C-alpha atoms as a PDB file:
ATOM      1  CA  MET A   1    -151.524-154.375  44.424  1.00  0.00           C
ATOM      2  CA  LYS A   2    -151.622-152.916  40.943  1.00  0.00           C
ATOM      3  CA  ARG A   3    -149.110-152.353  38.095  1.00  0.00           C
ATOM      4  CA  VAL A   4    -149.117-150.816  34.685  1.00  0.00           C
ATOM      5  CA  VAL A   5    -148.139-153.411  32.099  1.00  0.00           C
ATOM      6  CA  ASP A   6    -147.281-152.640  28.487  1.00  0.00           C
ATOM      7  CA  VAL A   7    -147.920-155.311  25.830  1.00  0.00           C
ATOM      8  CA  TYR A   8    -145.632-155.253  22.800  1.00  0.00           C
ATOM      9  CA  LYS A   9    -145.642-156.876  19.436  1.00  0.00           C
ATOM     10  CA  ASP A  10    -142.537-158.459  17.866  1.00  0.00           C
ATOM     11  CA  ARG A  11    -140.578-158.848  21.108  1.00  0.00           C
ATOM     12  CA  GLY A  12    -140.654-155.280  22.373  1.00  0.00           C
ATOM     13  CA  ARG A  13    -140.630-153.298  19.220  1.00  0.00           C
ATOM     14  CA  GLU A  14    -144.171-152.015  18.822  1.00  0.00           C
ATOM     15  CA  LEU A  15    -146.488-151.000  21.721  1.00  0.00           C
ATOM     16  CA  VAL A  16    -149.835-152.719  21.292  1.00  0.00           C
ATOM     17  CA  TRP A  17    -151.701-151.846  24.455  1.00  0.00           C
ATOM     18  CA  THR A  18    -151.254-150.801  28.039  1.00  0.00           C
ATOM     19  CA  TYR A  19    -153.170-152.413  30.940  1.00  0.00           C
ATOM     20  CA  VAL A  20    -153.541-151.434  34.626  1.00  0.00           C
ATOM     21  CA  ILE A  21    -153.601-154.826  36.359  1.00  0.00           C
ATOM     22  CA  HIS A  22    -154.930-155.183  39.852  1.00  0.00           C
ATOM     23  CA  LEU A  23    -154.081-158.405  41.616  1.00  0.00           C
ATOM     24  CA  GLY A  24    -155.841-158.094  45.003  1.00  0.00           C
ATOM     25  CA  ASN A  25    -155.480-161.612  46.210  1.00  0.00           C
ATOM     26  CA  LEU A  26    -154.534-161.529  49.922  1.00  0.00           C
ATOM     27  CA  GLU A  27    -153.240-165.086  49.911  1.00  0.00           C
ATOM     28  CA  PHE A  28    -149.970-164.320  48.124  1.00  0.00           C
ATOM     29  CA  HIS A  29    -147.744-161.383  47.155  1.00  0.00           C
ATOM     30  CA  PRO A  30    -147.794-161.198  43.290  1.00  0.00           C
ATOM     31  CA  ALA A  31    -144.512-161.029  41.421  1.00  0.00           C
ATOM     32  CA  GLN A  32    -143.834-159.045  38.316  1.00  0.00           C
ATOM     33  CA  ILE A  33    -144.349-162.067  36.106  1.00  0.00           C
ATOM     34  CA  ASP A  34    -147.858-162.539  37.565  1.00  0.00           C
ATOM     35  CA  PHE A  35    -148.831-159.078  36.275  1.00  0.00           C
ATOM     36  CA  GLU A  36    -147.208-159.790  32.844  1.00  0.00           C
ATOM     37  CA  GLN A  37    -149.011-163.086  32.460  1.00  0.00           C
ATOM     38  CA  GLU A  38    -152.374-161.459  33.292  1.00  0.00           C
ATOM     39  CA  ALA A  39    -151.780-158.767  30.659  1.00  0.00           C
ATOM     40  CA  LEU A  40    -151.002-161.407  28.081  1.00  0.00           C
ATOM     41  CA  ARG A  41    -154.113-163.311  29.049  1.00  0.00           C
ATOM     42  CA  LEU A  42    -156.200-160.141  28.667  1.00  0.00           C
ATOM     43  CA  SER A  43    -154.592-159.291  25.397  1.00  0.00           C
ATOM     44  CA  GLN A  44    -155.763-162.706  23.984  1.00  0.00           C
ATOM     45  CA  ILE A  45    -159.370-162.012  25.222  1.00  0.00           C
ATOM     46  CA  ASP A  46    -159.135-158.575  23.552  1.00  0.00           C
ATOM     47  CA  LYS A  47    -157.673-160.093  20.361  1.00  0.00           C
ATOM     48  CA  ARG A  48    -154.549-157.849  20.345  1.00  0.00           C
ATOM     49  CA  GLY A  49    -152.427-160.395  18.486  1.00  0.00           C
ATOM     50  CA  ALA A  50    -151.153-163.893  18.303  1.00  0.00           C
ATOM     51  CA  PRO A  51    -149.704-165.250  21.619  1.00  0.00           C
ATOM     52  CA  ASN A  52    -146.321-166.105  20.043  1.00  0.00           C
ATOM     53  CA  GLU A  53    -145.942-162.484  18.747  1.00  0.00           C
ATOM     54  CA  LEU A  54    -146.633-160.652  22.061  1.00  0.00           C
ATOM     55  CA  SER A  55    -144.513-159.874  25.136  1.00  0.00           C
ATOM     56  CA  ALA A  56    -145.310-157.920  28.243  1.00  0.00           C
ATOM     57  CA  ARG A  57    -143.346-155.712  30.600  1.00  0.00           C
ATOM     58  CA  ALA A  58    -144.557-154.525  33.945  1.00  0.00           C
ATOM     59  CA  ARG A  59    -143.479-150.949  34.789  1.00  0.00           C
ATOM     60  CA  LEU A  60    -141.625-150.619  38.039  1.00  0.00           C
ATOM     61  CA  THR A  61    -143.753-147.810  39.554  1.00  0.00           C
ATOM     62  CA  ILE A  62    -147.323-146.557  39.082  1.00  0.00           C
ATOM     63  CA  ARG A  63    -148.059-142.858  39.311  1.00  0.00           C
END
């Protein structure tokens, strides 16, 4: 399953980056928060900003 997740700075004001997250684990059905947490984890690896300044929102549909 995959979702597009936007990472924002300052609690939703400025778009920092967009990730396409694929969680293909067959053992569980990932929730929206799982995609958002993965995007935040990746943003830390990519040095997109301080963890306390970033938030993530998964888009409801992928096109």
